[in-house]
């Protein structure tokens, strides 16, 4: 007579185990996604600041090269 072995562990995951994993992944995603949003906002703000500094430097250079006169306002809107 052969000894009967339990086949319980060879079947795979149960529905409860899969649901627990999905819930944990959802919680982790809820924590991480706002951090990516903040990083995106921060990088956009940094880009705007860099552009403003470049523009300020260009206007100052124009000012010094053209005998203390600012560029005409129309040049900014074309």
PDB file of N, CA and C in Angstrom:
ATOM      1  N   UNK A   1       0.824  -1.167   0.000  1.00  0.00           N
ATOM      2  CA  UNK A   1       0.000   0.000   0.000  1.00  0.00           C
ATOM      3  C   UNK A   1       0.884   1.251   0.000  1.00  0.00           C
ATOM      4  N   UNK A   2       0.570   2.185  -0.914  1.00  0.00           N
ATOM      5  CA  UNK A   2       1.385   3.392  -1.021  1.00  0.00           C
ATOM      6  C   UNK A   2       0.878   4.455  -0.062  1.00  0.00           C
ATOM      7  N   UNK A   3       1.857   5.227   0.409  1.00  0.00           N
ATOM      8  CA  UNK A   3       1.512   6.334   1.299  1.00  0.00           C
ATOM      9  C   UNK A   3       0.984   7.496   0.461  1.00  0.00           C
ATOM     10  N   UNK A   4      -0.114   8.011   0.851  1.00  0.00           N
ATOM     11  CA  UNK A   4      -0.726   9.110   0.106  1.00  0.00           C
ATOM     12  C   UNK A   4      -0.103  10.431   0.553  1.00  0.00           C
ATOM     13  N   UNK A   5       0.397  11.225  -0.428  1.00  0.00           N
ATOM     14  CA  UNK A   5       0.996  12.519  -0.096  1.00  0.00           C
ATOM     15  C   UNK A   5      -0.017  13.623  -0.341  1.00  0.00           C
ATOM     16  N   UNK A   6       0.146  14.655   0.391  1.00  0.00           N
ATOM     17  CA  UNK A   6      -0.763  15.796   0.245  1.00  0.00           C
ATOM     18  C   UNK A   6      -0.436  16.555  -1.037  1.00  0.00           C
ATOM     19  N   UNK A   7      -1.426  16.804  -1.809  1.00  0.00           N
ATOM     20  CA  UNK A   7      -1.260  17.513  -3.081  1.00  0.00           C
ATOM     21  C   UNK A   7      -1.615  18.989  -2.928  1.00  0.00           C
ATOM     22  N   UNK A   8      -1.807  19.438  -1.709  1.00  0.00           N
ATOM     23  CA  UNK A   8      -2.272  20.798  -1.424  1.00  0.00           C
ATOM     24  C   UNK A   8      -1.266  21.843  -1.870  1.00  0.00           C
ATOM     25  N   UNK A   9       0.017  21.626  -1.678  1.00  0.00           N
ATOM     26  CA  UNK A   9       1.023  22.630  -1.971  1.00  0.00           C
ATOM     27  C   UNK A   9       1.410  22.660  -3.450  1.00  0.00           C
ATOM     28  N   UNK A  10       1.039  21.690  -4.207  1.00  0.00           N
ATOM     29  CA  UNK A  10       1.408  21.626  -5.611  1.00  0.00           C
ATOM     30  C   UNK A  10       0.370  22.278  -6.524  1.00  0.00           C
ATOM     31  N   UNK A  11      -0.748  22.707  -5.994  1.00  0.00           N
ATOM     32  CA  UNK A  11      -1.818  23.252  -6.827  1.00  0.00           C
ATOM     33  C   UNK A  11      -1.567  24.689  -7.278  1.00  0.00           C
ATOM     34  N   UNK A  12      -0.868  25.474  -6.550  1.00  0.00           N
ATOM     35  CA  UNK A  12      -0.637  26.868  -6.907  1.00  0.00           C
ATOM     36  C   UNK A  12      -1.169  27.791  -5.830  1.00  0.00           C
ATOM     37  N   UNK A  13      -1.411  29.035  -6.218  1.00  0.00           N
ATOM     38  CA  UNK A  13      -1.870  30.039  -5.264  1.00  0.00           C
ATOM     39  C   UNK A  13      -3.382  29.976  -5.097  1.00  0.00           C
ATOM     40  N   UNK A  14      -3.832  30.329  -3.917  1.00  0.00           N
ATOM     41  CA  UNK A  14      -5.270  30.411  -3.683  1.00  0.00           C
ATOM     42  C   UNK A  14      -5.750  31.813  -4.041  1.00  0.00           C
ATOM     43  N   UNK A  15      -7.030  31.962  -4.157  1.00  0.00           N
ATOM     44  CA  UNK A  15      -7.610  33.249  -4.499  1.00  0.00           C
ATOM     45  C   UNK A  15      -7.286  34.301  -3.437  1.00  0.00           C
ATOM     46  N   UNK A  16      -7.314  33.916  -2.187  1.00  0.00           N
ATOM     47  CA  UNK A  16      -7.009  34.841  -1.093  1.00  0.00           C
ATOM     48  C   UNK A  16      -5.571  35.339  -1.200  1.00  0.00           C
ATOM     49  N   UNK A  17      -4.652  34.453  -1.491  1.00  0.00           N
ATOM     50  CA  UNK A  17      -3.245  34.858  -1.617  1.00  0.00           C
ATOM     51  C   UNK A  17      -3.057  35.845  -2.767  1.00  0.00           C
ATOM     52  N   UNK A  18      -3.697  35.598  -3.867  1.00  0.00           N
ATOM     53  CA  UNK A  18      -3.577  36.509  -5.016  1.00  0.00           C
ATOM     54  C   UNK A  18      -4.207  37.858  -4.686  1.00  0.00           C
ATOM     55  N   UNK A  19      -5.350  37.854  -4.018  1.00  0.00           N
ATOM     56  CA  UNK A  19      -5.992  39.113  -3.639  1.00  0.00           C
ATOM     57  C   UNK A  19      -5.124  39.920  -2.681  1.00  0.00           C
ATOM     58  N   UNK A  20      -4.477  39.268  -1.746  1.00  0.00           N
ATOM     59  CA  UNK A  20      -3.604  39.962  -0.803  1.00  0.00           C
ATOM     60  C   UNK A  20      -2.436  40.617  -1.552  1.00  0.00           C
ATOM     61  N   UNK A  21      -1.850  39.903  -2.498  1.00  0.00           N
ATOM     62  CA  UNK A  21      -0.742  40.461  -3.279  1.00  0.00           C
ATOM     63  C   UNK A  21      -1.220  41.668  -4.084  1.00  0.00           C
ATOM     64  N   UNK A  22      -2.389  41.575  -4.706  1.00  0.00           N
ATOM     65  CA  UNK A  22      -2.924  42.685  -5.492  1.00  0.00           C
ATOM     66  C   UNK A  22      -3.198  43.897  -4.599  1.00  0.00           C
ATOM     67  N   UNK A  23      -3.724  43.675  -3.432  1.00  0.00           N
ATOM     68  CA  UNK A  23      -3.995  44.770  -2.491  1.00  0.00           C
ATOM     69  C   UNK A  23      -2.697  45.441  -2.064  1.00  0.00           C
ATOM     70  N   UNK A  24      -1.687  44.662  -1.752  1.00  0.00           N
ATOM     71  CA  UNK A  24      -0.391  45.229  -1.346  1.00  0.00           C
ATOM     72  C   UNK A  24       0.211  46.039  -2.483  1.00  0.00           C
ATOM     73  N   UNK A  25       0.140  45.528  -3.710  1.00  0.00           N
ATOM     74  CA  UNK A  25       0.658  46.281  -4.862  1.00  0.00           C
ATOM     75  C   UNK A  25      -0.122  47.577  -5.070  1.00  0.00           C
ATOM     76  N   UNK A  26      -1.417  47.551  -4.859  1.00  0.00           N
ATOM     77  CA  UNK A  26      -2.223  48.768  -4.969  1.00  0.00           C
ATOM     78  C   UNK A  26      -1.841  49.810  -3.936  1.00  0.00           C
ATOM     79  N   UNK A  27      -1.585  49.371  -2.714  1.00  0.00           N
ATOM     80  CA  UNK A  27      -1.163  50.297  -1.658  1.00  0.00           C
ATOM     81  C   UNK A  27       0.187  50.907  -2.000  1.00  0.00           C
ATOM     82  N   UNK A  28       1.119  50.089  -2.460  1.00  0.00           N
ATOM     83  CA  UNK A  28       2.439  50.607  -2.834  1.00  0.00           C
ATOM     84  C   UNK A  28       2.338  51.589  -4.004  1.00  0.00           C
ATOM     85  N   UNK A  29       1.505  51.301  -4.967  1.00  0.00           N
ATOM     86  CA  UNK A  29       1.322  52.210  -6.102  1.00  0.00           C
ATOM     87  C   UNK A  29       0.711  53.532  -5.635  1.00  0.00           C
ATOM     88  N   UNK A  30      -0.222  53.473  -4.705  1.00  0.00           N
ATOM     89  CA  UNK A  30      -0.838  54.694  -4.184  1.00  0.00           C
ATOM     90  C   UNK A  30       0.172  55.562  -3.442  1.00  0.00           C
ATOM     91  N   UNK A  31       1.182  54.951  -2.878  1.00  0.00           N
ATOM     92  CA  UNK A  31       2.221  55.706  -2.178  1.00  0.00           C
ATOM     93  C   UNK A  31       3.205  56.321  -3.163  1.00  0.00           C
ATOM     94  N   UNK A  32       3.557  55.593  -4.208  1.00  0.00           N
ATOM     95  CA  UNK A  32       4.622  56.015  -5.122  1.00  0.00           C
ATOM     96  C   UNK A  32       4.143  57.034  -6.161  1.00  0.00           C
ATOM     97  N   UNK A  33       2.933  56.907  -6.663  1.00  0.00           N
ATOM     98  CA  UNK A  33       2.457  57.771  -7.754  1.00  0.00           C
ATOM     99  C   UNK A  33       2.473  59.257  -7.384  1.00  0.00           C
ATOM    100  N   UNK A  34       2.032  59.686  -6.207  1.00  0.00           N
ATOM    101  CA  UNK A  34       2.120  61.118  -5.882  1.00  0.00           C
ATOM    102  C   UNK A  34       3.560  61.636  -5.847  1.00  0.00           C
ATOM    103  N   UNK A  35       4.509  60.794  -5.491  1.00  0.00           N
ATOM    104  CA  UNK A  35       5.902  61.233  -5.480  1.00  0.00           C
ATOM    105  C   UNK A  35       6.387  61.520  -6.894  1.00  0.00           C
ATOM    106  N   UNK A  36       5.957  60.729  -7.877  1.00  0.00           N
ATOM    107  CA  UNK A  36       6.317  60.996  -9.261  1.00  0.00           C
ATOM    108  C   UNK A  36       5.667  62.282  -9.748  1.00  0.00           C
ATOM    109  N   UNK A  37       4.453  62.550  -9.305  1.00  0.00           N
ATOM    110  CA  UNK A  37       3.768  63.783  -9.689  1.00  0.00           C
ATOM    111  C   UNK A  37       4.507  64.992  -9.146  1.00  0.00           C
ATOM    112  N   UNK A  38       4.950  64.905  -7.895  1.00  0.00           N
ATOM    113  CA  UNK A  38       5.719  66.008  -7.302  1.00  0.00           C
ATOM    114  C   UNK A  38       7.042  66.197  -8.023  1.00  0.00           C
ATOM    115  N   UNK A  39       7.685  65.118  -8.428  1.00  0.00           N
ATOM    116  CA  UNK A  39       8.951  65.220  -9.142  1.00  0.00           C
ATOM    117  C   UNK A  39       8.742  65.879 -10.497  1.00  0.00           C
ATOM    118  N   UNK A  40       7.646  65.570 -11.174  1.00  0.00           N
ATOM    119  CA  UNK A  40       7.347  66.183 -12.466  1.00  0.00           C
ATOM    120  C   UNK A  40       7.114  67.676 -12.305  1.00  0.00           C
ATOM    121  N   UNK A  41       6.353  68.067 -11.297  1.00  0.00           N
ATOM    122  CA  UNK A  41       6.087  69.479 -11.044  1.00  0.00           C
ATOM    123  C   UNK A  41       7.380  70.211 -10.714  1.00  0.00           C
ATOM    124  N   UNK A  42       8.214  69.592  -9.922  1.00  0.00           N
ATOM    125  CA  UNK A  42       9.488  70.206  -9.538  1.00  0.00           C
ATOM    126  C   UNK A  42      10.395  70.388 -10.751  1.00  0.00           C
ATOM    127  N   UNK A  43      10.436  69.406 -11.639  1.00  0.00           N
ATOM    128  CA  UNK A  43      11.293  69.528 -12.815  1.00  0.00           C
ATOM    129  C   UNK A  43      10.771  70.596 -13.772  1.00  0.00           C
ATOM    130  N   UNK A  44       9.458  70.729 -13.905  1.00  0.00           N
ATOM    131  CA  UNK A  44       8.897  71.793 -14.742  1.00  0.00           C
ATOM    132  C   UNK A  44       9.233  73.163 -14.162  1.00  0.00           C
ATOM    133  N   UNK A  45       9.130  73.299 -12.849  1.00  0.00           N
ATOM    134  CA  UNK A  45       9.455  74.567 -12.191  1.00  0.00           C
ATOM    135  C   UNK A  45      10.921  74.916 -12.401  1.00  0.00           C
ATOM    136  N   UNK A  46      11.781  73.929 -12.314  1.00  0.00           N
ATOM    137  CA  UNK A  46      13.206  74.147 -12.535  1.00  0.00           C
ATOM    138  C   UNK A  46      13.469  74.595 -13.966  1.00  0.00           C
ATOM    139  N   UNK A  47      12.783  74.010 -14.922  1.00  0.00           N
ATOM    140  CA  UNK A  47      12.933  74.404 -16.321  1.00  0.00           C
ATOM    141  C   UNK A  47      12.498  75.838 -16.565  1.00  0.00           C
ATOM    142  N   UNK A  48      11.400  76.248 -15.941  1.00  0.00           N
ATOM    143  CA  UNK A  48      10.920  77.622 -16.082  1.00  0.00           C
ATOM    144  C   UNK A  48      11.924  78.598 -15.473  1.00  0.00           C
ATOM    145  N   UNK A  49      12.481  78.255 -14.319  1.00  0.00           N
ATOM    146  CA  UNK A  49      13.468  79.119 -13.680  1.00  0.00           C
ATOM    147  C   UNK A  49      14.716  79.267 -14.550  1.00  0.00           C
ATOM    148  N   UNK A  50      15.157  78.190 -15.150  1.00  0.00           N
ATOM    149  CA  UNK A  50      16.331  78.237 -16.021  1.00  0.00           C
ATOM    150  C   UNK A  50      16.063  79.118 -17.235  1.00  0.00           C
ATOM    151  N   UNK A  51      14.884  78.988 -17.823  1.00  0.00           N
ATOM    152  CA  UNK A  51      14.525  79.818 -18.976  1.00  0.00           C
ATOM    153  C   UNK A  51      14.472  81.294 -18.586  1.00  0.00           C
ATOM    154  N   UNK A  52      13.909  81.607 -17.432  1.00  0.00           N
ATOM    155  CA  UNK A  52      13.830  82.994 -16.969  1.00  0.00           C
ATOM    156  C   UNK A  52      15.230  83.568 -16.726  1.00  0.00           C
ATOM    157  N   UNK A  53      16.127  82.784 -16.162  1.00  0.00           N
ATOM    158  CA  UNK A  53      17.493  83.254 -15.940  1.00  0.00           C
ATOM    159  C   UNK A  53      18.208  83.512 -17.262  1.00  0.00           C
ATOM    160  N   UNK A  54      17.991  82.648 -18.242  1.00  0.00           N
ATOM    161  CA  UNK A  54      18.603  82.841 -19.556  1.00  0.00           C
ATOM    162  C   UNK A  54      18.072  84.104 -20.224  1.00  0.00           C
ATOM    163  N   UNK A  55      16.783  84.321 -20.123  1.00  0.00           N
ATOM    164  CA  UNK A  55      16.181  85.515 -20.705  1.00  0.00           C
ATOM    165  C   UNK A  55      16.706  86.778 -20.024  1.00  0.00           C
ATOM    166  N   UNK A  56      16.803  86.725 -18.710  1.00  0.00           N
ATOM    167  CA  UNK A  56      17.332  87.879 -17.977  1.00  0.00           C
ATOM    168  C   UNK A  56      18.764  88.181 -18.389  1.00  0.00           C
ATOM    169  N   UNK A  57      19.574  87.144 -18.551  1.00  0.00           N
ATOM    170  CA  UNK A  57      20.959  87.338 -18.985  1.00  0.00           C
ATOM    171  C   UNK A  57      21.045  87.927 -20.385  1.00  0.00           C
ATOM    172  N   UNK A  58      20.162  87.483 -21.280  1.00  0.00           N
ATOM    173  CA  UNK A  58      20.156  88.007 -22.648  1.00  0.00           C
ATOM    174  C   UNK A  58      19.755  89.479 -22.666  1.00  0.00           C
ATOM    175  N   UNK A  59      18.764  89.847 -21.854  1.00  0.00           N
ATOM    176  CA  UNK A  59      18.331  91.246 -21.791  1.00  0.00           C
ATOM    177  C   UNK A  59      19.445  92.112 -21.203  1.00  0.00           C
ATOM    178  N   UNK A  60      20.117  91.628 -20.167  1.00  0.00           N
ATOM    179  CA  UNK A  60      21.226  92.392 -19.586  1.00  0.00           C
ATOM    180  C   UNK A  60      22.357  92.578 -20.586  1.00  0.00           C
ATOM    181  N   UNK A  61      22.666  91.548 -21.348  1.00  0.00           N
ATOM    182  CA  UNK A  61      23.713  91.643 -22.369  1.00  0.00           C
ATOM    183  C   UNK A  61      23.326  92.673 -23.428  1.00  0.00           C
ATOM    184  N   UNK A  62      22.078  92.640 -23.870  1.00  0.00           N
ATOM    185  CA  UNK A  62      21.597  93.626 -24.833  1.00  0.00           C
ATOM    186  C   UNK A  62      21.716  95.031 -24.257  1.00  0.00           C
ATOM    187  N   UNK A  63      21.329  95.172 -22.997  1.00  0.00           N
ATOM    188  CA  UNK A  63      21.362  96.466 -22.305  1.00  0.00           C
ATOM    189  C   UNK A  63      22.780  97.040 -22.285  1.00  0.00           C
ATOM    190  N   UNK A  64      23.769  96.210 -21.975  1.00  0.00           N
ATOM    191  CA  UNK A  64      25.147  96.682 -21.908  1.00  0.00           C
ATOM    192  C   UNK A  64      25.731  96.955 -23.288  1.00  0.00           C
ATOM    193  N   UNK A  65      25.332  96.183 -24.291  1.00  0.00           N
ATOM    194  CA  UNK A  65      25.893  96.345 -25.634  1.00  0.00           C
ATOM    195  C   UNK A  65      25.245  97.479 -26.423  1.00  0.00           C
ATOM    196  N   UNK A  66      24.079  97.946 -25.989  1.00  0.00           N
ATOM    197  CA  UNK A  66      23.359  98.977 -26.731  1.00  0.00           C
ATOM    198  C   UNK A  66      23.201 100.255 -25.917  1.00  0.00           C
ATOM    199  N   UNK A  67      24.256 100.657 -25.263  1.00  0.00           N
ATOM    200  CA  UNK A  67      24.317 101.946 -24.539  1.00  0.00           C
ATOM    201  C   UNK A  67      23.163 102.144 -23.562  1.00  0.00           C
ATOM    202  N   UNK A  68      22.984 101.196 -22.682  1.00  0.00           N
ATOM    203  CA  UNK A  68      21.996 101.268 -21.598  1.00  0.00           C
ATOM    204  C   UNK A  68      20.556 101.468 -22.084  1.00  0.00           C
ATOM    205  N   UNK A  69      20.209 100.842 -23.195  1.00  0.00           N
ATOM    206  CA  UNK A  69      18.815 100.859 -23.640  1.00  0.00           C
ATOM    207  C   UNK A  69      18.306  99.421 -23.666  1.00  0.00           C
ATOM    208  N   UNK A  70      17.058  99.258 -23.303  1.00  0.00           N
ATOM    209  CA  UNK A  70      16.451  97.931 -23.301  1.00  0.00           C
ATOM    210  C   UNK A  70      15.957  97.593 -24.701  1.00  0.00           C
ATOM    211  N   UNK A  71      15.838  96.323 -25.019  1.00  0.00           N
ATOM    212  CA  UNK A  71      15.323  95.963 -26.346  1.00  0.00           C
ATOM    213  C   UNK A  71      13.869  96.418 -26.491  1.00  0.00           C
ATOM    214  N   UNK A  72      13.450  96.690 -27.728  1.00  0.00           N
ATOM    215  CA  UNK A  72      12.048  97.104 -27.915  1.00  0.00           C
ATOM    216  C   UNK A  72      11.090  96.000 -27.483  1.00  0.00           C
ATOM    217  N   UNK A  73       9.950  96.382 -26.978  1.00  0.00           N
ATOM    218  CA  UNK A  73       8.975  95.419 -26.453  1.00  0.00           C
ATOM    219  C   UNK A  73       8.458  94.494 -27.560  1.00  0.00           C
ATOM    220  N   UNK A  74       8.420  94.964 -28.780  1.00  0.00           N
ATOM    221  CA  UNK A  74       7.895  94.144 -29.872  1.00  0.00           C
ATOM    222  C   UNK A  74       8.756  92.908 -30.119  1.00  0.00           C
ATOM    223  N   UNK A  75      10.031  92.939 -29.764  1.00  0.00           N
ATOM    224  CA  UNK A  75      10.903  91.795 -30.012  1.00  0.00           C
ATOM    225  C   UNK A  75      10.558  90.623 -29.108  1.00  0.00           C
ATOM    226  N   UNK A  76       9.898  90.853 -28.001  1.00  0.00           N
ATOM    227  CA  UNK A  76       9.545  89.778 -27.087  1.00  0.00           C
ATOM    228  C   UNK A  76       8.328  88.997 -27.567  1.00  0.00           C
ATOM    229  N   UNK A  77       7.513  89.554 -28.425  1.00  0.00           N
ATOM    230  CA  UNK A  77       6.254  88.946 -28.807  1.00  0.00           C
ATOM    231  C   UNK A  77       6.256  88.354 -30.189  1.00  0.00           C
ATOM    232  N   UNK A  78       7.412  88.341 -30.860  1.00  0.00           N
ATOM    233  CA  UNK A  78       7.454  87.767 -32.208  1.00  0.00           C
ATOM    234  C   UNK A  78       7.976  86.372 -32.198  1.00  0.00           C
TER     235      UNK A  78
END
